Amino acid sequence: MRQVIIYSGEDGYFIAECPSLPGCISQAKTKEEAVVNISEAIQGYIAALEEDNLSIPAEHF
């Protein structure tokens, strides 16, 4: 489980960010879509780290 922060962007879209994974950010028109998008982004981020044999940052919340 990862902490996710969701907030409104200047363009009216919702931005979703996972602070424990630097650069793991997504956006969508609705909060619900933003949650789905960031979940997929987190999975892809972690899969890429594993593929490259890099350590996965710990969650700190």
PDB file of N, CA and C in Angstrom:
ATOM      1  N   MET A   1       0.847  -1.169   0.000  1.00  0.00           N
ATOM      2  CA  MET A   1       0.000   0.000   0.000  1.00  0.00           C
ATOM      3  C   MET A   1       0.890   1.228   0.000  1.00  0.00           C
ATOM      4  N   ARG A   2       0.546   2.207  -0.809  1.00  0.00           N
ATOM      5  CA  ARG A   2       1.312   3.445  -0.939  1.00  0.00           C
ATOM      6  C   ARG A   2       0.418   4.647  -0.684  1.00  0.00           C
ATOM      7  N   GLN A   3       0.994   5.643  -0.061  1.00  0.00           N
ATOM      8  CA  GLN A   3       0.274   6.899   0.136  1.00  0.00           C
ATOM      9  C   GLN A   3       0.176   7.604  -1.212  1.00  0.00           C
ATOM     10  N   VAL A   4      -0.995   8.133  -1.496  1.00  0.00           N
ATOM     11  CA  VAL A   4      -1.234   8.885  -2.722  1.00  0.00           C
ATOM     12  C   VAL A   4      -1.872  10.212  -2.347  1.00  0.00           C
ATOM     13  N   ILE A   5      -1.400  11.266  -2.985  1.00  0.00           N
ATOM     14  CA  ILE A   5      -1.956  12.602  -2.770  1.00  0.00           C
ATOM     15  C   ILE A   5      -2.677  12.996  -4.050  1.00  0.00           C
ATOM     16  N   ILE A   6      -3.926  13.443  -3.913  1.00  0.00           N
ATOM     17  CA  ILE A   6      -4.712  13.875  -5.064  1.00  0.00           C
ATOM     18  C   ILE A   6      -5.110  15.329  -4.845  1.00  0.00           C
ATOM     19  N   TYR A   7      -4.892  16.142  -5.878  1.00  0.00           N
ATOM     20  CA  TYR A   7      -5.235  17.560  -5.785  1.00  0.00           C
ATOM     21  C   TYR A   7      -5.633  18.068  -7.163  1.00  0.00           C
ATOM     22  N   SER A   8      -6.334  19.212  -7.171  1.00  0.00           N
ATOM     23  CA  SER A   8      -6.773  19.816  -8.429  1.00  0.00           C
ATOM     24  C   SER A   8      -5.632  20.583  -9.067  1.00  0.00           C
ATOM     25  N   GLY A   9      -5.468  20.376 -10.357  1.00  0.00           N
ATOM     26  CA  GLY A   9      -4.471  21.122 -11.108  1.00  0.00           C
ATOM     27  C   GLY A   9      -5.070  22.399 -11.654  1.00  0.00           C
ATOM     28  N   GLU A  10      -4.237  23.250 -12.190  1.00  0.00           N
ATOM     29  CA  GLU A  10      -4.697  24.530 -12.727  1.00  0.00           C
ATOM     30  C   GLU A  10      -5.600  24.358 -13.937  1.00  0.00           C
ATOM     31  N   ASP A  11      -5.464  23.249 -14.649  1.00  0.00           N
ATOM     32  CA  ASP A  11      -6.243  23.022 -15.862  1.00  0.00           C
ATOM     33  C   ASP A  11      -7.571  22.312 -15.605  1.00  0.00           C
ATOM     34  N   GLY A  12      -7.911  22.099 -14.322  1.00  0.00           N
ATOM     35  CA  GLY A  12      -9.171  21.448 -13.984  1.00  0.00           C
ATOM     36  C   GLY A  12      -9.070  19.937 -13.844  1.00  0.00           C
ATOM     37  N   TYR A  13      -7.930  19.380 -14.180  1.00  0.00           N
ATOM     38  CA  TYR A  13      -7.721  17.947 -14.007  1.00  0.00           C
ATOM     39  C   TYR A  13      -7.293  17.656 -12.569  1.00  0.00           C
ATOM     40  N   PHE A  14      -7.464  16.411 -12.163  1.00  0.00           N
ATOM     41  CA  PHE A  14      -6.985  15.976 -10.847  1.00  0.00           C
ATOM     42  C   PHE A  14      -5.608  15.352 -11.035  1.00  0.00           C
ATOM     43  N   ILE A  15      -4.687  15.722 -10.169  1.00  0.00           N
ATOM     44  CA  ILE A  15      -3.324  15.203 -10.203  1.00  0.00           C
ATOM     45  C   ILE A  15      -3.177  14.231  -9.046  1.00  0.00           C
ATOM     46  N   ALA A  16      -2.595  13.081  -9.330  1.00  0.00           N
ATOM     47  CA  ALA A  16      -2.344  12.057  -8.318  1.00  0.00           C
ATOM     48  C   ALA A  16      -0.841  11.819  -8.272  1.00  0.00           C
ATOM     49  N   GLU A  17      -0.309  11.826  -7.066  1.00  0.00           N
ATOM     50  CA  GLU A  17       1.131  11.699  -6.886  1.00  0.00           C
ATOM     51  C   GLU A  17       1.426  10.716  -5.765  1.00  0.00           C
ATOM     52  N   CYS A  18       2.457   9.907  -5.947  1.00  0.00           N
ATOM     53  CA  CYS A  18       2.900   8.957  -4.932  1.00  0.00           C
ATOM     54  C   CYS A  18       4.245   9.449  -4.400  1.00  0.00           C
ATOM     55  N   PRO A  19       4.259  10.130  -3.245  1.00  0.00           N
ATOM     56  CA  PRO A  19       5.486  10.752  -2.741  1.00  0.00           C
ATOM     57  C   PRO A  19       6.649   9.791  -2.509  1.00  0.00           C
ATOM     58  N   SER A  20       6.377   8.538  -2.179  1.00  0.00           N
ATOM     59  CA  SER A  20       7.467   7.607  -1.900  1.00  0.00           C
ATOM     60  C   SER A  20       8.148   7.087  -3.164  1.00  0.00           C
ATOM     61  N   LEU A  21       7.558   7.369  -4.323  1.00  0.00           N
ATOM     62  CA  LEU A  21       8.145   6.969  -5.602  1.00  0.00           C
ATOM     63  C   LEU A  21       8.385   8.233  -6.428  1.00  0.00           C
ATOM     64  N   PRO A  22       9.569   8.800  -6.351  1.00  0.00           N
ATOM     65  CA  PRO A  22       9.861  10.067  -7.021  1.00  0.00           C
ATOM     66  C   PRO A  22       9.499  10.055  -8.506  1.00  0.00           C
ATOM     67  N   GLY A  23       8.714  11.044  -8.910  1.00  0.00           N
ATOM     68  CA  GLY A  23       8.311  11.166 -10.302  1.00  0.00           C
ATOM     69  C   GLY A  23       7.105  10.344 -10.690  1.00  0.00           C
ATOM     70  N   CYS A  24       6.522   9.619  -9.751  1.00  0.00           N
ATOM     71  CA  CYS A  24       5.343   8.800 -10.039  1.00  0.00           C
ATOM     72  C   CYS A  24       4.103   9.675  -9.883  1.00  0.00           C
ATOM     73  N   ILE A  25       3.669  10.238 -11.015  1.00  0.00           N
ATOM     74  CA  ILE A  25       2.563  11.191 -11.034  1.00  0.00           C
ATOM     75  C   ILE A  25       1.651  10.835 -12.196  1.00  0.00           C
ATOM     76  N   SER A  26       0.358  11.072 -12.012  1.00  0.00           N
ATOM     77  CA  SER A  26      -0.607  10.854 -13.071  1.00  0.00           C
ATOM     78  C   SER A  26      -1.690  11.913 -12.956  1.00  0.00           C
ATOM     79  N   GLN A  27      -2.586  11.952 -13.927  1.00  0.00           N
ATOM     80  CA  GLN A  27      -3.691  12.901 -13.864  1.00  0.00           C
ATOM     81  C   GLN A  27      -4.904  12.328 -14.571  1.00  0.00           C
ATOM     82  N   ALA A  28      -6.062  12.929 -14.311  1.00  0.00           N
ATOM     83  CA  ALA A  28      -7.310  12.498 -14.936  1.00  0.00           C
ATOM     84  C   ALA A  28      -8.363  13.574 -14.753  1.00  0.00           C
ATOM     85  N   LYS A  29      -9.469  13.412 -15.455  1.00  0.00           N
ATOM     86  CA  LYS A  29     -10.569  14.370 -15.360  1.00  0.00           C
ATOM     87  C   LYS A  29     -11.336  14.252 -14.051  1.00  0.00           C
ATOM     88  N   THR A  30     -11.390  13.030 -13.476  1.00  0.00           N
ATOM     89  CA  THR A  30     -12.109  12.828 -12.218  1.00  0.00           C
ATOM     90  C   THR A  30     -11.173  12.227 -11.177  1.00  0.00           C
ATOM     91  N   LYS A  31     -11.574  12.344  -9.900  1.00  0.00           N
ATOM     92  CA  LYS A  31     -10.775  11.737  -8.828  1.00  0.00           C
ATOM     93  C   LYS A  31     -10.710  10.229  -8.986  1.00  0.00           C
ATOM     94  N   GLU A  32     -11.821   9.631  -9.360  1.00  0.00           N
ATOM     95  CA  GLU A  32     -11.873   8.170  -9.507  1.00  0.00           C
ATOM     96  C   GLU A  32     -10.902   7.697 -10.586  1.00  0.00           C
ATOM     97  N   GLU A  33     -10.882   8.407 -11.712  1.00  0.00           N
ATOM     98  CA  GLU A  33      -9.953   8.050 -12.786  1.00  0.00           C
ATOM     99  C   GLU A  33      -8.511   8.273 -12.344  1.00  0.00           C
ATOM    100  N   ALA A  34      -8.284   9.318 -11.568  1.00  0.00           N
ATOM    101  CA  ALA A  34      -6.930   9.611 -11.081  1.00  0.00           C
ATOM    102  C   ALA A  34      -6.428   8.477 -10.187  1.00  0.00           C
ATOM    103  N   VAL A  35      -7.308   7.916  -9.363  1.00  0.00           N
ATOM    104  CA  VAL A  35      -6.928   6.797  -8.492  1.00  0.00           C
ATOM    105  C   VAL A  35      -6.554   5.579  -9.336  1.00  0.00           C
ATOM    106  N   VAL A  36      -7.341   5.279 -10.351  1.00  0.00           N
ATOM    107  CA  VAL A  36      -7.039   4.149 -11.233  1.00  0.00           C
ATOM    108  C   VAL A  36      -5.710   4.389 -11.943  1.00  0.00           C
ATOM    109  N   ASN A  37      -5.526   5.603 -12.458  1.00  0.00           N
ATOM    110  CA  ASN A  37      -4.304   5.911 -13.204  1.00  0.00           C
ATOM    111  C   ASN A  37      -3.056   5.822 -12.326  1.00  0.00           C
ATOM    112  N   ILE A  38      -3.127   6.348 -11.110  1.00  0.00           N
ATOM    113  CA  ILE A  38      -1.945   6.316 -10.248  1.00  0.00           C
ATOM    114  C   ILE A  38      -1.672   4.882  -9.788  1.00  0.00           C
ATOM    115  N   SER A  39      -2.700   4.086  -9.611  1.00  0.00           N
ATOM    116  CA  SER A  39      -2.488   2.677  -9.256  1.00  0.00           C
ATOM    117  C   SER A  39      -1.708   1.965 -10.356  1.00  0.00           C
ATOM    118  N   GLU A  40      -2.092   2.215 -11.602  1.00  0.00           N
ATOM    119  CA  GLU A  40      -1.380   1.620 -12.729  1.00  0.00           C
ATOM    120  C   GLU A  40       0.046   2.161 -12.821  1.00  0.00           C
ATOM    121  N   ALA A  41       0.205   3.447 -12.565  1.00  0.00           N
ATOM    122  CA  ALA A  41       1.537   4.059 -12.612  1.00  0.00           C
ATOM    123  C   ALA A  41       2.447   3.463 -11.542  1.00  0.00           C
ATOM    124  N   ILE A  42       1.908   3.252 -10.343  1.00  0.00           N
ATOM    125  CA  ILE A  42       2.693   2.657  -9.252  1.00  0.00           C
ATOM    126  C   ILE A  42       3.126   1.239  -9.632  1.00  0.00           C
ATOM    127  N   GLN A  43       2.198   0.462 -10.164  1.00  0.00           N
ATOM    128  CA  GLN A  43       2.529  -0.911 -10.570  1.00  0.00           C
ATOM    129  C   GLN A  43       3.618  -0.915 -11.640  1.00  0.00           C
ATOM    130  N   GLY A  44       3.509  -0.021 -12.615  1.00  0.00           N
ATOM    131  CA  GLY A  44       4.507   0.062 -13.675  1.00  0.00           C
ATOM    132  C   GLY A  44       5.853   0.534 -13.164  1.00  0.00           C
ATOM    133  N   TYR A  45       5.837   1.484 -12.255  1.00  0.00           N
ATOM    134  CA  TYR A  45       7.065   2.023 -11.657  1.00  0.00           C
ATOM    135  C   TYR A  45       7.816   0.919 -10.925  1.00  0.00           C
ATOM    136  N   ILE A  46       7.095   0.177 -10.089  1.00  0.00           N
ATOM    137  CA  ILE A  46       7.719  -0.904  -9.315  1.00  0.00           C
ATOM    138  C   ILE A  46       8.194  -2.025 -10.237  1.00  0.00           C
ATOM    139  N   ALA A  47       7.417  -2.344 -11.263  1.00  0.00           N
ATOM    140  CA  ALA A  47       7.825  -3.388 -12.214  1.00  0.00           C
ATOM    141  C   ALA A  47       9.116  -2.988 -12.931  1.00  0.00           C
ATOM    142  N   ALA A  48       9.243  -1.717 -13.288  1.00  0.00           N
ATOM    143  CA  ALA A  48      10.457  -1.247 -13.961  1.00  0.00           C
ATOM    144  C   ALA A  48      11.668  -1.338 -13.034  1.00  0.00           C
ATOM    145  N   LEU A  49      11.478  -0.983 -11.765  1.00  0.00           N
ATOM    146  CA  LEU A  49      12.575  -1.098 -10.801  1.00  0.00           C
ATOM    147  C   LEU A  49      13.012  -2.555 -10.652  1.00  0.00           C
ATOM    148  N   GLU A  50      12.036  -3.452 -10.528  1.00  0.00           N
ATOM    149  CA  GLU A  50      12.345  -4.877 -10.379  1.00  0.00           C
ATOM    150  C   GLU A  50      13.061  -5.415 -11.617  1.00  0.00           C
ATOM    151  N   GLU A  51      12.610  -4.994 -12.783  1.00  0.00           N
ATOM    152  CA  GLU A  51      13.222  -5.449 -14.036  1.00  0.00           C
ATOM    153  C   GLU A  51      14.691  -5.027 -14.125  1.00  0.00           C
ATOM    154  N   ASP A  52      14.987  -3.847 -13.599  1.00  0.00           N
ATOM    155  CA  ASP A  52      16.353  -3.329 -13.625  1.00  0.00           C
ATOM    156  C   ASP A  52      17.157  -3.712 -12.377  1.00  0.00           C
ATOM    157  N   ASN A  53      16.587  -4.579 -11.543  1.00  0.00           N
ATOM    158  CA  ASN A  53      17.230  -5.022 -10.301  1.00  0.00           C
ATOM    159  C   ASN A  53      17.607  -3.856  -9.384  1.00  0.00           C
ATOM    160  N   LEU A  54      16.729  -2.872  -9.322  1.00  0.00           N
ATOM    161  CA  LEU A  54      16.936  -1.724  -8.444  1.00  0.00           C
ATOM    162  C   LEU A  54      16.067  -1.866  -7.205  1.00  0.00           C
ATOM    163  N   SER A  55      16.487  -1.247  -6.128  1.00  0.00           N
ATOM    164  CA  SER A  55      15.715  -1.351  -4.889  1.00  0.00           C
ATOM    165  C   SER A  55      14.436  -0.517  -4.988  1.00  0.00           C
ATOM    166  N   ILE A  56      13.417  -0.999  -4.331  1.00  0.00           N
ATOM    167  CA  ILE A  56      12.119  -0.312  -4.310  1.00  0.00           C
ATOM    168  C   ILE A  56      12.071   0.551  -3.051  1.00  0.00           C
ATOM    169  N   PRO A  57      11.841   1.850  -3.220  1.00  0.00           N
ATOM    170  CA  PRO A  57      11.792   2.729  -2.050  1.00  0.00           C
ATOM    171  C   PRO A  57      10.724   2.288  -1.061  1.00  0.00           C
ATOM    172  N   ALA A  58      11.064   2.395   0.219  1.00  0.00           N
ATOM    173  CA  ALA A  58      10.115   2.053   1.282  1.00  0.00           C
ATOM    174  C   ALA A  58       9.040   3.131   1.387  1.00  0.00           C
ATOM    175  N   GLU A  59       7.893   2.736   1.874  1.00  0.00           N
ATOM    176  CA  GLU A  59       6.812   3.687   2.156  1.00  0.00           C
ATOM    177  C   GLU A  59       7.010   4.203   3.574  1.00  0.00           C
ATOM    178  N   HIS A  60       6.788   5.499   3.782  1.00  0.00           N
ATOM    179  CA  HIS A  60       7.035   6.104   5.094  1.00  0.00           C
ATOM    180  C   HIS A  60       5.826   6.822   5.651  1.00  0.00           C
ATOM    181  N   PHE A  61       4.651   6.253   5.553  1.00  0.00           N
ATOM    182  CA  PHE A  61       3.496   6.930   6.155  1.00  0.00           C
ATOM    183  C   PHE A  61       2.842   6.073   7.187  1.00  0.00           C
TER     184      PHE A  61
END
